C-alpha atoms as a PDB file:
ATOM      1  CA  MET A   1     -26.117 -55.732  24.864  1.00  0.00           C
ATOM      2  CA  LEU A   2     -26.848 -52.132  23.917  1.00  0.00           C
ATOM      3  CA  LYS A   3     -28.533 -50.478  26.918  1.00  0.00           C
ATOM      4  CA  ALA A   4     -29.093 -46.978  25.562  1.00  0.00           C
ATOM      5  CA  ARG A   5     -28.405 -44.573  22.715  1.00  0.00           C
ATOM      6  CA  TYR A   6     -28.105 -40.889  23.480  1.00  0.00           C
ATOM      7  CA  LEU A   7     -27.843 -37.885  21.220  1.00  0.00           C
ATOM      8  CA  THR A   8     -25.027 -35.629  22.387  1.00  0.00           C
ATOM      9  CA  GLY A   9     -22.601 -33.012  21.148  1.00  0.00           C
ATOM     10  CA  SER A  10     -22.969 -29.636  19.548  1.00  0.00           C
ATOM     11  CA  SER A  11     -26.265 -30.506  17.873  1.00  0.00           C
ATOM     12  CA  LEU A  12     -27.969 -30.258  21.275  1.00  0.00           C
ATOM     13  CA  LEU A  13     -26.517 -26.860  22.143  1.00  0.00           C
ATOM     14  CA  LEU A  14     -26.139 -25.117  18.825  1.00  0.00           C
ATOM     15  CA  THR A  15     -28.581 -24.417  16.049  1.00  0.00           C
ATOM     16  CA  ASN A  16     -26.228 -24.188  13.095  1.00  0.00           C
ATOM     17  CA  THR A  17     -24.317 -27.448  13.072  1.00  0.00           C
ATOM     18  CA  ARG A  18     -24.414 -30.553  10.941  1.00  0.00           C
ATOM     19  CA  ASP A  19     -22.656 -32.616  13.588  1.00  0.00           C
ATOM     20  CA  ILE A  20     -24.565 -35.663  14.744  1.00  0.00           C
ATOM     21  CA  ASP A  21     -22.966 -37.304  17.749  1.00  0.00           C
ATOM     22  CA  GLU A  22     -24.324 -40.269  19.627  1.00  0.00           C
ATOM     23  CA  VAL A  23     -23.114 -42.201  22.640  1.00  0.00           C
ATOM     24  CA  TRP A  24     -23.981 -45.882  22.683  1.00  0.00           C
ATOM     25  CA  PHE A  25     -23.923 -47.402  26.161  1.00  0.00           C
ATOM     26  CA  TYR A  26     -23.369 -51.135  26.593  1.00  0.00           C
ATOM     27  CA  GLU A  27     -23.988 -53.309  29.632  1.00  0.00           C
ATOM     28  CA  SER A  28     -20.288 -53.953  30.318  1.00  0.00           C
ATOM     29  CA  LYS A  29     -16.816 -52.733  29.411  1.00  0.00           C
ATOM     30  CA  GLU A  30     -16.195 -55.982  27.519  1.00  0.00           C
ATOM     31  CA  GLU A  31     -19.307 -55.492  25.361  1.00  0.00           C
ATOM     32  CA  CYS A  32     -18.313 -51.880  24.767  1.00  0.00           C
ATOM     33  CA  ASP A  33     -14.806 -52.923  23.680  1.00  0.00           C
ATOM     34  CA  GLU A  34     -16.266 -55.551  21.344  1.00  0.00           C
ATOM     35  CA  ALA A  35     -18.626 -53.007  19.802  1.00  0.00           C
ATOM     36  CA  ARG A  36     -15.673 -50.669  19.188  1.00  0.00           C
ATOM     37  CA  ARG A  37     -13.724 -53.464  17.477  1.00  0.00           C
ATOM     38  CA  THR A  38     -16.565 -54.558  15.240  1.00  0.00           C
ATOM     39  CA  ARG A  39     -18.259 -51.238  14.612  1.00  0.00           C
ATOM     40  CA  GLN A  40     -19.668 -50.348  11.260  1.00  0.00           C
ATOM     41  CA  LEU A  41     -18.460 -46.945  10.160  1.00  0.00           C
ATOM     42  CA  ASN A  42     -21.318 -44.561   9.554  1.00  0.00           C
ATOM     43  CA  GLU A  43     -20.349 -41.345   7.802  1.00  0.00           C
ATOM     44  CA  GLU A  44     -23.422 -39.474   9.015  1.00  0.00           C
ATOM     45  CA  ILE A  45     -23.190 -40.222  12.733  1.00  0.00           C
ATOM     46  CA  ASN A  46     -20.148 -39.920  14.962  1.00  0.00           C
ATOM     47  CA  VAL A  47     -20.617 -42.736  17.483  1.00  0.00           C
ATOM     48  CA  HIS A  48     -18.857 -42.789  20.851  1.00  0.00           C
ATOM     49  CA  TYR A  49     -18.915 -46.058  22.794  1.00  0.00           C
ATOM     50  CA  ASP A  50     -19.212 -46.327  26.544  1.00  0.00           C
ATOM     51  CA  TYR A  51     -20.635 -48.619  29.186  1.00  0.00           C
ATOM     52  CA  VAL A  52     -23.142 -48.302  31.995  1.00  0.00           C
ATOM     53  CA  GLY A  53     -21.747 -46.760  35.159  1.00  0.00           C
ATOM     54  CA  HIS A  54     -18.719 -45.250  33.421  1.00  0.00           C
ATOM     55  CA  ALA A  55     -19.593 -41.562  33.620  1.00  0.00           C
ATOM     56  CA  ARG A  56     -16.234 -39.826  33.773  1.00  0.00           C
ATOM     57  CA  VAL A  57     -14.336 -36.603  33.298  1.00  0.00           C
ATOM     58  CA  PHE A  58     -13.525 -35.891  29.639  1.00  0.00           C
ATOM     59  CA  LEU A  59     -13.360 -32.755  27.487  1.00  0.00           C
ATOM     60  CA  GLY A  60     -17.105 -32.579  26.957  1.00  0.00           C
ATOM     61  CA  CYS A  61     -18.360 -34.169  30.171  1.00  0.00           C
ATOM     62  CA  TYR A  62     -20.659 -31.180  30.803  1.00  0.00           C
ATOM     63  CA  SER A  63     -22.685 -32.725  27.945  1.00  0.00           C
ATOM     64  CA  TYR A  64     -23.987 -35.505  30.228  1.00  0.00           C
ATOM     65  CA  HIS A  65     -26.407 -32.816  31.405  1.00  0.00           C
ATOM     66  CA  TYR A  66     -27.692 -32.134  27.873  1.00  0.00           C
ATOM     67  CA  MET A  67     -27.817 -35.674  26.420  1.00  0.00           C
ATOM     68  CA  LYS A  68     -31.127 -36.745  24.926  1.00  0.00           C
ATOM     69  CA  LEU A  69     -32.246 -40.373  25.146  1.00  0.00           C
ATOM     70  CA  ILE A  70     -32.955 -41.817  21.698  1.00  0.00           C
ATOM     71  CA  GLU A  71     -33.449 -45.484  22.545  1.00  0.00           C
ATOM     72  CA  GLY A  72     -33.190 -47.817  25.522  1.00  0.00           C
ATOM     73  CA  ASP A  73     -33.006 -47.278  29.259  1.00  0.00           C
ATOM     74  CA  ASN A  74     -32.705 -43.861  30.890  1.00  0.00           C
ATOM     75  CA  LEU A  75     -29.293 -44.009  32.559  1.00  0.00           C
ATOM     76  CA  HIS A  76     -29.811 -40.693  34.409  1.00  0.00           C
ATOM     77  CA  LEU A  77     -26.610 -39.230  32.975  1.00  0.00           C
ATOM     78  CA  ASP A  78     -27.782 -35.751  33.906  1.00  0.00           C
ATOM     79  CA  GLU A  79     -27.007 -36.705  37.509  1.00  0.00           C
ATOM     80  CA  PHE A  80     -23.249 -36.625  36.743  1.00  0.00           C
ATOM     81  CA  ASP A  81     -22.261 -33.510  38.706  1.00  0.00           C
ATOM     82  CA  ILE A  82     -19.399 -31.432  37.309  1.00  0.00           C
ATOM     83  CA  PHE A  83     -19.820 -29.159  40.338  1.00  0.00           C
ATOM     84  CA  GLU A  84     -18.916 -31.940  42.791  1.00  0.00           C
ATOM     85  CA  GLU A  85     -15.596 -30.871  44.336  1.00  0.00           C
ATOM     86  CA  GLU A  86     -13.311 -33.700  43.131  1.00  0.00           C
ATOM     87  CA  THR A  87     -14.919 -33.854  39.678  1.00  0.00           C
ATOM     88  CA  LYS A  88     -14.583 -30.086  39.311  1.00  0.00           C
ATOM     89  CA  LYS A  89     -10.899 -30.243  40.266  1.00  0.00           C
ATOM     90  CA  GLN A  90     -10.192 -33.045  37.746  1.00  0.00           C
ATOM     91  CA  TYR A  91     -12.183 -31.342  34.998  1.00  0.00           C
ATOM     92  CA  ILE A  92     -10.482 -27.966  35.425  1.00  0.00           C
ATOM     93  CA  GLU A  93      -7.071 -29.679  35.323  1.00  0.00           C
ATOM     94  CA  LEU A  94      -8.073 -31.428  32.096  1.00  0.00           C
ATOM     95  CA  LEU A  95      -9.379 -28.206  30.543  1.00  0.00           C
ATOM     96  CA  LYS A  96      -6.177 -26.378  31.463  1.00  0.00           C
ATOM     97  CA  LYS A  97      -4.109 -29.161  29.901  1.00  0.00           C
ATOM     98  CA  TYR A  98      -6.028 -28.813  26.625  1.00  0.00           C
ATOM     99  CA  THR A  99      -5.420 -25.047  26.575  1.00  0.00           C
ATOM    100  CA  THR A 100      -1.670 -25.662  26.473  1.00  0.00           C
ATOM    101  CA  TRP A 101      -1.614 -27.565  23.170  1.00  0.00           C
ATOM    102  CA  LEU A 102      -4.935 -27.283  21.328  1.00  0.00           C
ATOM    103  CA  PRO A 103      -4.585 -25.072  18.214  1.00  0.00           C
ATOM    104  CA  ARG A 104      -6.853 -22.034  18.428  1.00  0.00           C
ATOM    105  CA  ASP A 105      -8.598 -22.872  15.161  1.00  0.00           C
ATOM    106  CA  ASN A 106      -9.692 -26.277  16.473  1.00  0.00           C
ATOM    107  CA  LYS A 107     -13.453 -26.529  16.994  1.00  0.00           C
ATOM    108  CA  LYS A 108     -12.908 -28.449  20.259  1.00  0.00           C
ATOM    109  CA  TRP A 109     -12.410 -25.069  21.904  1.00  0.00           C
ATOM    110  CA  TYR A 110     -16.191 -24.827  22.040  1.00  0.00           C
ATOM    111  CA  HIS A 111     -16.091 -27.563  24.712  1.00  0.00           C
ATOM    112  CA  ILE A 112     -13.650 -25.543  26.783  1.00  0.00           C
ATOM    113  CA  LEU A 113     -15.609 -22.309  26.373  1.00  0.00           C
ATOM    114  CA  THR A 114     -18.884 -24.052  27.253  1.00  0.00           C
ATOM    115  CA  ALA A 115     -17.402 -25.593  30.408  1.00  0.00           C
ATOM    116  CA  VAL A 116     -15.848 -22.267  31.422  1.00  0.00           C
ATOM    117  CA  TYR A 117     -19.210 -20.493  31.056  1.00  0.00           C
ATOM    118  CA  ILE A 118     -20.917 -23.188  33.123  1.00  0.00           C
ATOM    119  CA  TYR A 119     -18.316 -22.932  35.897  1.00  0.00           C
ATOM    120  CA  LYS A 120     -17.966 -19.147  35.797  1.00  0.00           C
ATOM    121  CA  TYR A 121     -21.702 -18.570  36.186  1.00  0.00           C
ATOM    122  CA  GLY A 122     -22.505 -21.700  38.201  1.00  0.00           C
ATOM    123  CA  LYS A 123     -25.269 -23.073  35.998  1.00  0.00           C
ATOM    124  CA  TYR A 124     -25.980 -25.113  32.889  1.00  0.00           C
ATOM    125  CA  ASP A 125     -28.373 -22.533  31.455  1.00  0.00           C
ATOM    126  CA  LEU A 126     -26.494 -20.523  28.857  1.00  0.00           C
ATOM    127  CA  THR A 127     -27.481 -17.084  27.600  1.00  0.00           C
ATOM    128  CA  ASP A 128     -28.065 -16.295  23.941  1.00  0.00           C
ATOM    129  CA  ALA A 129     -24.817 -14.286  23.879  1.00  0.00           C
ATOM    130  CA  GLN A 130     -22.890 -17.248  25.326  1.00  0.00           C
ATOM    131  CA  LEU A 131     -24.453 -19.631  22.805  1.00  0.00           C
ATOM    132  CA  THR A 132     -23.517 -17.243  19.992  1.00  0.00           C
ATOM    133  CA  ALA A 133     -19.896 -17.190  21.202  1.00  0.00           C
ATOM    134  CA  ILE A 134     -19.899 -20.984  21.500  1.00  0.00           C
ATOM    135  CA  GLN A 135     -21.322 -21.288  17.963  1.00  0.00           C
ATOM    136  CA  ARG A 136     -18.615 -18.997  16.597  1.00  0.00           C
ATOM    137  CA  THR A 137     -15.923 -20.955  18.420  1.00  0.00           C
ATOM    138  CA  HIS A 138     -17.342 -24.223  17.090  1.00  0.00           C
ATOM    139  CA  ASP A 139     -17.295 -22.879  13.530  1.00  0.00           C
ATOM    140  CA  LYS A 140     -14.064 -20.878  13.435  1.00  0.00           C
ATOM    141  CA  GLY A 141     -11.975 -21.531  16.510  1.00  0.00           C
ATOM    142  CA  ILE A 142     -11.487 -19.328  19.524  1.00  0.00           C
ATOM    143  CA  THR A 143     -10.914 -15.575  19.402  1.00  0.00           C
ATOM    144  CA  ASP A 144      -8.115 -13.939  21.373  1.00  0.00           C
ATOM    145  CA  SER A 145     -10.582 -12.369  23.806  1.00  0.00           C
ATOM    146  CA  LYS A 146     -12.413 -15.661  24.473  1.00  0.00           C
ATOM    147  CA  TYR A 147      -9.070 -17.490  24.756  1.00  0.00           C
ATOM    148  CA  ASN A 148      -7.934 -14.985  27.399  1.00  0.00           C
ATOM    149  CA  PHE A 149     -11.311 -15.290  29.143  1.00  0.00           C
ATOM    150  CA  CYS A 150     -10.914 -19.079  29.310  1.00  0.00           C
ATOM    151  CA  ILE A 151      -7.331 -18.948  30.614  1.00  0.00           C
ATOM    152  CA  GLU A 152      -8.148 -16.295  33.240  1.00  0.00           C
ATOM    153  CA  THR A 153     -11.295 -18.059  34.420  1.00  0.00           C
ATOM    154  CA  LEU A 154      -9.603 -21.466  34.644  1.00  0.00           C
ATOM    155  CA  ASN A 155      -6.772 -19.915  36.661  1.00  0.00           C
ATOM    156  CA  GLU A 156      -9.306 -18.282  38.989  1.00  0.00           C
ATOM    157  CA  LEU A 157     -11.128 -21.581  39.440  1.00  0.00           C
ATOM    158  CA  SER A 158      -8.051 -23.678  40.225  1.00  0.00           C
END
């Protein structure tokens, strides 16, 4: 049974994006797996499937903080704490792994840059200048200076 639908992704952070991402949370892993198998493809919405109680470290896990409930039960995803010591360690390792193989023109760099800003400055509130850099990275890939900033900051944090 579908427990909740959340809006997530760049559309919550950035103003100039046509991306529509949703996460659909099911009661159990089995129901989630079944929904994945039988899903109807929707060209307008990029749906990610998950299940209740499965908050985890992934490239965009900072987005739990920004998710907006569309339908169903409030699962309190904003309580997932990327600053908790073990979560932070796992997340930084994952981010560093992505930096070793992700092409610089890939828009997924905006996830890395966003997470680095959040960790570097210790808060989820992003400045207008940071949001502008994230928007540019989302649209065109990462610049050399932002790439170097990410690598240096991740090395400092680990």
